[in-house]
Amino acid sequence: MTPGLEEGPVASTSSKPAPEKSKKNPKGPPRKKKGSNNPQGKGKGRENWNRPYPQGYRIPKLQPSAMDSVFNMARTLMELTAKEQGCINRTFPHKH
């Protein structure tokens, strides 16, 4: 009985650690390398360089009221500079 019992646990223990080590060693480094995202990062970087704007970046669309205020400010600035220079500003004609 004792030799049979000894062989059982010895065989199981000797067979268990070997597969665990073989599994942990190969799976460990590749997962760490994948975690760094080297191939994915390179691909994304190249895509961003080719595209005018990277993914996830939305160009802010100003509302018409905001655009009007911006143009009004530009028109007033141009008028002030034109008056100082003594010339007529034709770039932003008034809409009356």
N, C-alpha and C. Protein backbone atom coordinates (compact mmCIF):
# COMPACT_ATOMS: atom_id res chain seq x y z
N MET A 1 0.84 -1.20 0.00
CA MET A 1 0.00 0.00 0.00
C MET A 1 0.88 1.26 0.00
N THR A 2 1.93 1.26 0.82
CA THR A 2 2.75 2.47 0.89
C THR A 2 3.43 2.78 -0.44
N PRO A 3 4.02 1.77 -1.13
CA PRO A 3 4.67 2.12 -2.41
C PRO A 3 3.66 2.67 -3.41
N GLY A 4 2.46 2.11 -3.46
CA GLY A 4 1.46 2.59 -4.42
C GLY A 4 1.05 4.02 -4.08
N LEU A 5 0.84 4.29 -2.78
CA LEU A 5 0.43 5.65 -2.40
C LEU A 5 1.55 6.64 -2.69
N GLU A 6 2.79 6.24 -2.44
CA GLU A 6 3.90 7.15 -2.70
C GLU A 6 4.02 7.45 -4.19
N GLU A 7 3.87 6.41 -5.00
CA GLU A 7 4.00 6.64 -6.44
C GLU A 7 2.90 7.58 -6.96
N GLY A 8 1.70 7.42 -6.41
CA GLY A 8 0.59 8.27 -6.86
C GLY A 8 0.90 9.75 -6.66
N PRO A 9 1.13 10.18 -5.41
CA PRO A 9 1.38 11.61 -5.18
C PRO A 9 2.66 12.08 -5.86
N VAL A 10 3.70 11.23 -5.86
CA VAL A 10 4.95 11.65 -6.48
C VAL A 10 4.73 11.89 -7.97
N ALA A 11 4.00 11.00 -8.62
CA ALA A 11 3.77 11.16 -10.05
C ALA A 11 2.95 12.42 -10.31
N SER A 12 1.91 12.64 -9.48
CA SER A 12 1.04 13.80 -9.71
C SER A 12 1.83 15.09 -9.46
N THR A 13 2.63 15.13 -8.37
CA THR A 13 3.37 16.36 -8.07
C THR A 13 4.43 16.60 -9.15
N SER A 14 5.09 15.56 -9.61
CA SER A 14 6.13 15.75 -10.61
C SER A 14 5.51 16.18 -11.94
N SER A 15 4.30 15.71 -12.24
CA SER A 15 3.69 16.07 -13.52
C SER A 15 3.04 17.46 -13.44
N LYS A 16 2.55 17.86 -12.24
CA LYS A 16 1.85 19.15 -12.14
C LYS A 16 2.81 20.34 -12.27
N PRO A 17 3.93 20.39 -11.51
CA PRO A 17 4.78 21.59 -11.59
C PRO A 17 5.33 21.82 -12.99
N ALA A 18 5.67 20.76 -13.71
CA ALA A 18 6.27 20.93 -15.03
C ALA A 18 5.30 21.68 -15.97
N PRO A 19 4.04 21.23 -16.11
CA PRO A 19 3.14 21.96 -17.02
C PRO A 19 2.87 23.38 -16.53
N GLU A 20 2.76 23.59 -15.22
CA GLU A 20 2.52 24.94 -14.71
C GLU A 20 3.68 25.86 -15.10
N LYS A 21 4.91 25.39 -14.90
CA LYS A 21 6.06 26.24 -15.24
C LYS A 21 6.09 26.50 -16.75
N SER A 22 5.85 25.44 -17.53
CA SER A 22 5.90 25.62 -18.98
C SER A 22 4.80 26.59 -19.43
N LYS A 23 3.64 26.54 -18.75
CA LYS A 23 2.55 27.46 -19.13
C LYS A 23 2.89 28.89 -18.70
N LYS A 24 3.38 29.05 -17.46
CA LYS A 24 3.63 30.40 -16.95
C LYS A 24 4.76 31.07 -17.73
N ASN A 25 5.84 30.34 -18.01
CA ASN A 25 6.98 30.98 -18.66
C ASN A 25 6.63 31.51 -20.06
N PRO A 26 6.04 30.70 -20.94
CA PRO A 26 5.76 31.23 -22.28
C PRO A 26 4.65 32.29 -22.27
N LYS A 27 3.62 32.10 -21.42
CA LYS A 27 2.50 33.05 -21.44
C LYS A 27 2.88 34.37 -20.78
N GLY A 28 3.80 34.35 -19.83
CA GLY A 28 4.13 35.58 -19.12
C GLY A 28 4.71 36.66 -20.03
N PRO A 29 5.84 36.43 -20.67
CA PRO A 29 6.45 37.49 -21.49
C PRO A 29 5.55 37.98 -22.63
N PRO A 30 4.88 37.10 -23.40
CA PRO A 30 4.06 37.61 -24.49
C PRO A 30 2.96 38.54 -24.00
N ARG A 31 2.34 38.22 -22.86
CA ARG A 31 1.28 39.09 -22.34
C ARG A 31 1.86 40.45 -21.98
N LYS A 32 3.04 40.45 -21.37
CA LYS A 32 3.66 41.73 -21.01
C LYS A 32 3.95 42.53 -22.28
N LYS A 33 4.46 41.87 -23.32
CA LYS A 33 4.75 42.59 -24.56
C LYS A 33 3.47 43.15 -25.16
N LYS A 34 2.39 42.35 -25.13
CA LYS A 34 1.13 42.84 -25.68
C LYS A 34 0.61 44.02 -24.87
N GLY A 35 0.86 44.00 -23.56
CA GLY A 35 0.39 45.09 -22.72
C GLY A 35 1.02 46.42 -23.12
N SER A 36 2.25 46.39 -23.65
CA SER A 36 2.92 47.63 -24.04
C SER A 36 2.28 48.25 -25.27
N ASN A 37 1.51 47.45 -26.03
CA ASN A 37 0.81 47.96 -27.22
C ASN A 37 1.79 48.54 -28.24
N ASN A 38 2.92 47.85 -28.45
CA ASN A 38 3.86 48.36 -29.44
C ASN A 38 3.29 48.30 -30.86
N PRO A 39 2.78 47.14 -31.33
CA PRO A 39 2.26 47.10 -32.71
C PRO A 39 1.04 47.99 -32.86
N GLN A 40 0.15 47.97 -31.86
CA GLN A 40 -1.06 48.78 -31.98
C GLN A 40 -0.70 50.26 -31.97
N GLY A 41 0.23 50.65 -31.11
CA GLY A 41 0.61 52.06 -31.06
C GLY A 41 1.19 52.53 -32.39
N LYS A 42 2.05 51.69 -33.01
CA LYS A 42 2.63 52.08 -34.29
C LYS A 42 1.53 52.25 -35.33
N GLY A 43 0.61 51.31 -35.36
CA GLY A 43 -0.47 51.40 -36.35
C GLY A 43 -1.29 52.66 -36.16
N LYS A 44 -1.66 52.94 -34.90
CA LYS A 44 -2.47 54.14 -34.64
C LYS A 44 -1.69 55.39 -35.03
N GLY A 45 -0.40 55.42 -34.69
CA GLY A 45 0.38 56.61 -35.02
C GLY A 45 0.42 56.85 -36.52
N ARG A 46 0.62 55.78 -37.29
CA ARG A 46 0.66 55.95 -38.74
C ARG A 46 -0.68 56.43 -39.26
N GLU A 47 -1.77 55.87 -38.72
CA GLU A 47 -3.10 56.29 -39.18
C GLU A 47 -3.31 57.76 -38.86
N ASN A 48 -2.90 58.19 -37.69
CA ASN A 48 -3.09 59.59 -37.32
C ASN A 48 -2.30 60.51 -38.25
N TRP A 49 -1.09 60.10 -38.62
CA TRP A 49 -0.29 60.96 -39.50
C TRP A 49 -0.97 61.09 -40.85
N ASN A 50 -1.56 60.00 -41.34
CA ASN A 50 -2.20 60.07 -42.66
C ASN A 50 -3.50 60.87 -42.61
N ARG A 51 -4.19 60.84 -41.49
CA ARG A 51 -5.49 61.50 -41.41
C ARG A 51 -5.32 62.95 -40.99
N PRO A 52 -6.24 63.82 -41.42
CA PRO A 52 -6.16 65.22 -41.01
C PRO A 52 -6.36 65.39 -39.51
N TYR A 53 -7.29 64.60 -38.93
CA TYR A 53 -7.53 64.65 -37.50
C TYR A 53 -7.56 63.22 -36.96
N PRO A 54 -6.97 62.96 -35.79
CA PRO A 54 -7.01 61.61 -35.24
C PRO A 54 -8.41 61.20 -34.84
N GLN A 55 -8.62 59.90 -34.72
CA GLN A 55 -9.95 59.41 -34.35
C GLN A 55 -10.29 59.91 -32.95
N GLY A 56 -11.59 60.16 -32.74
CA GLY A 56 -12.04 60.61 -31.44
C GLY A 56 -11.95 62.11 -31.25
N TYR A 57 -11.33 62.83 -32.19
CA TYR A 57 -11.23 64.29 -32.07
C TYR A 57 -12.26 64.91 -32.99
N ARG A 58 -13.20 65.62 -32.41
CA ARG A 58 -14.26 66.24 -33.20
C ARG A 58 -13.97 67.73 -33.36
N ILE A 59 -14.10 68.23 -34.57
CA ILE A 59 -13.90 69.65 -34.81
C ILE A 59 -15.08 70.41 -34.19
N PRO A 60 -14.85 71.35 -33.30
CA PRO A 60 -15.97 72.06 -32.68
C PRO A 60 -16.70 72.90 -33.71
N LYS A 61 -17.99 72.63 -33.86
CA LYS A 61 -18.81 73.40 -34.79
C LYS A 61 -19.46 74.55 -34.03
N LEU A 62 -19.11 75.78 -34.40
CA LEU A 62 -19.66 76.94 -33.71
C LEU A 62 -21.10 77.18 -34.16
N GLN A 63 -21.93 77.63 -33.25
CA GLN A 63 -23.31 77.94 -33.61
C GLN A 63 -23.34 79.22 -34.45
N PRO A 64 -24.41 79.44 -35.22
CA PRO A 64 -24.48 80.66 -36.04
C PRO A 64 -24.35 81.92 -35.21
N SER A 65 -24.93 81.92 -34.01
CA SER A 65 -24.83 83.12 -33.17
C SER A 65 -23.37 83.37 -32.79
N ALA A 66 -22.64 82.32 -32.44
CA ALA A 66 -21.23 82.47 -32.08
C ALA A 66 -20.44 82.95 -33.29
N MET A 67 -20.72 82.40 -34.47
CA MET A 67 -20.02 82.83 -35.67
C MET A 67 -20.30 84.31 -35.94
N ASP A 68 -21.55 84.74 -35.76
CA ASP A 68 -21.89 86.15 -35.99
C ASP A 68 -21.08 87.04 -35.05
N SER A 69 -21.01 86.65 -33.79
CA SER A 69 -20.27 87.48 -32.83
C SER A 69 -18.79 87.54 -33.21
N VAL A 70 -18.25 86.42 -33.67
CA VAL A 70 -16.84 86.40 -34.06
C VAL A 70 -16.63 87.33 -35.26
N PHE A 71 -17.50 87.24 -36.25
CA PHE A 71 -17.35 88.10 -37.43
C PHE A 71 -17.55 89.56 -37.07
N ASN A 72 -18.47 89.83 -36.14
CA ASN A 72 -18.68 91.21 -35.71
C ASN A 72 -17.41 91.76 -35.06
N MET A 73 -16.78 90.96 -34.23
CA MET A 73 -15.54 91.40 -33.60
C MET A 73 -14.46 91.65 -34.65
N ALA A 74 -14.36 90.74 -35.61
CA ALA A 74 -13.36 90.92 -36.67
C ALA A 74 -13.67 92.18 -37.47
N ARG A 75 -14.94 92.42 -37.76
CA ARG A 75 -15.32 93.59 -38.55
C ARG A 75 -14.96 94.88 -37.80
N THR A 76 -15.24 94.91 -36.50
CA THR A 76 -14.92 96.11 -35.72
C THR A 76 -13.41 96.33 -35.68
N LEU A 77 -12.64 95.26 -35.49
CA LEU A 77 -11.19 95.41 -35.45
C LEU A 77 -10.67 95.92 -36.80
N MET A 78 -11.18 95.36 -37.88
CA MET A 78 -10.74 95.80 -39.21
C MET A 78 -11.12 97.27 -39.43
N GLU A 79 -12.30 97.66 -38.97
CA GLU A 79 -12.72 99.06 -39.15
C GLU A 79 -11.81 99.99 -38.36
N LEU A 80 -11.47 99.61 -37.14
CA LEU A 80 -10.59 100.47 -36.34
C LEU A 80 -9.24 100.63 -37.01
N THR A 81 -8.67 99.53 -37.49
CA THR A 81 -7.36 99.62 -38.15
C THR A 81 -7.48 100.44 -39.43
N ALA A 82 -8.59 100.30 -40.16
CA ALA A 82 -8.75 101.05 -41.40
C ALA A 82 -8.87 102.54 -41.10
N LYS A 83 -9.61 102.89 -40.05
CA LYS A 83 -9.75 104.31 -39.71
C LYS A 83 -8.40 104.90 -39.31
N GLU A 84 -7.62 104.13 -38.57
CA GLU A 84 -6.31 104.63 -38.16
C GLU A 84 -5.42 104.85 -39.38
N GLN A 85 -5.48 103.95 -40.35
CA GLN A 85 -4.65 104.07 -41.54
C GLN A 85 -5.23 105.09 -42.52
N GLY A 86 -6.51 105.43 -42.37
CA GLY A 86 -7.12 106.40 -43.27
C GLY A 86 -7.55 105.79 -44.58
N CYS A 87 -7.97 104.52 -44.58
CA CYS A 87 -8.44 103.88 -45.81
C CYS A 87 -9.79 103.25 -45.55
N ILE A 88 -10.52 102.93 -46.60
CA ILE A 88 -11.85 102.34 -46.46
C ILE A 88 -11.69 100.83 -46.36
N ASN A 89 -12.42 100.21 -45.43
CA ASN A 89 -12.32 98.77 -45.24
C ASN A 89 -13.34 98.09 -46.14
N ARG A 90 -12.88 97.35 -47.12
CA ARG A 90 -13.78 96.66 -48.05
C ARG A 90 -13.80 95.15 -47.81
N THR A 91 -13.00 94.66 -46.88
CA THR A 91 -12.95 93.21 -46.65
C THR A 91 -14.21 92.74 -45.95
N PHE A 92 -14.75 93.52 -45.00
CA PHE A 92 -15.96 93.13 -44.28
C PHE A 92 -17.02 94.21 -44.45
N PRO A 93 -17.70 94.24 -45.59
CA PRO A 93 -18.73 95.27 -45.78
C PRO A 93 -19.92 95.02 -44.86
N HIS A 94 -20.53 96.08 -44.39
CA HIS A 94 -21.68 95.96 -43.51
C HIS A 94 -22.89 95.47 -44.28
N LYS A 95 -23.73 94.69 -43.61
CA LYS A 95 -24.96 94.21 -44.23
C LYS A 95 -26.12 95.02 -43.67
N HIS A 96 -26.60 96.02 -44.43
CA HIS A 96 -27.73 96.85 -43.98
C HIS A 96 -28.90 96.63 -44.91
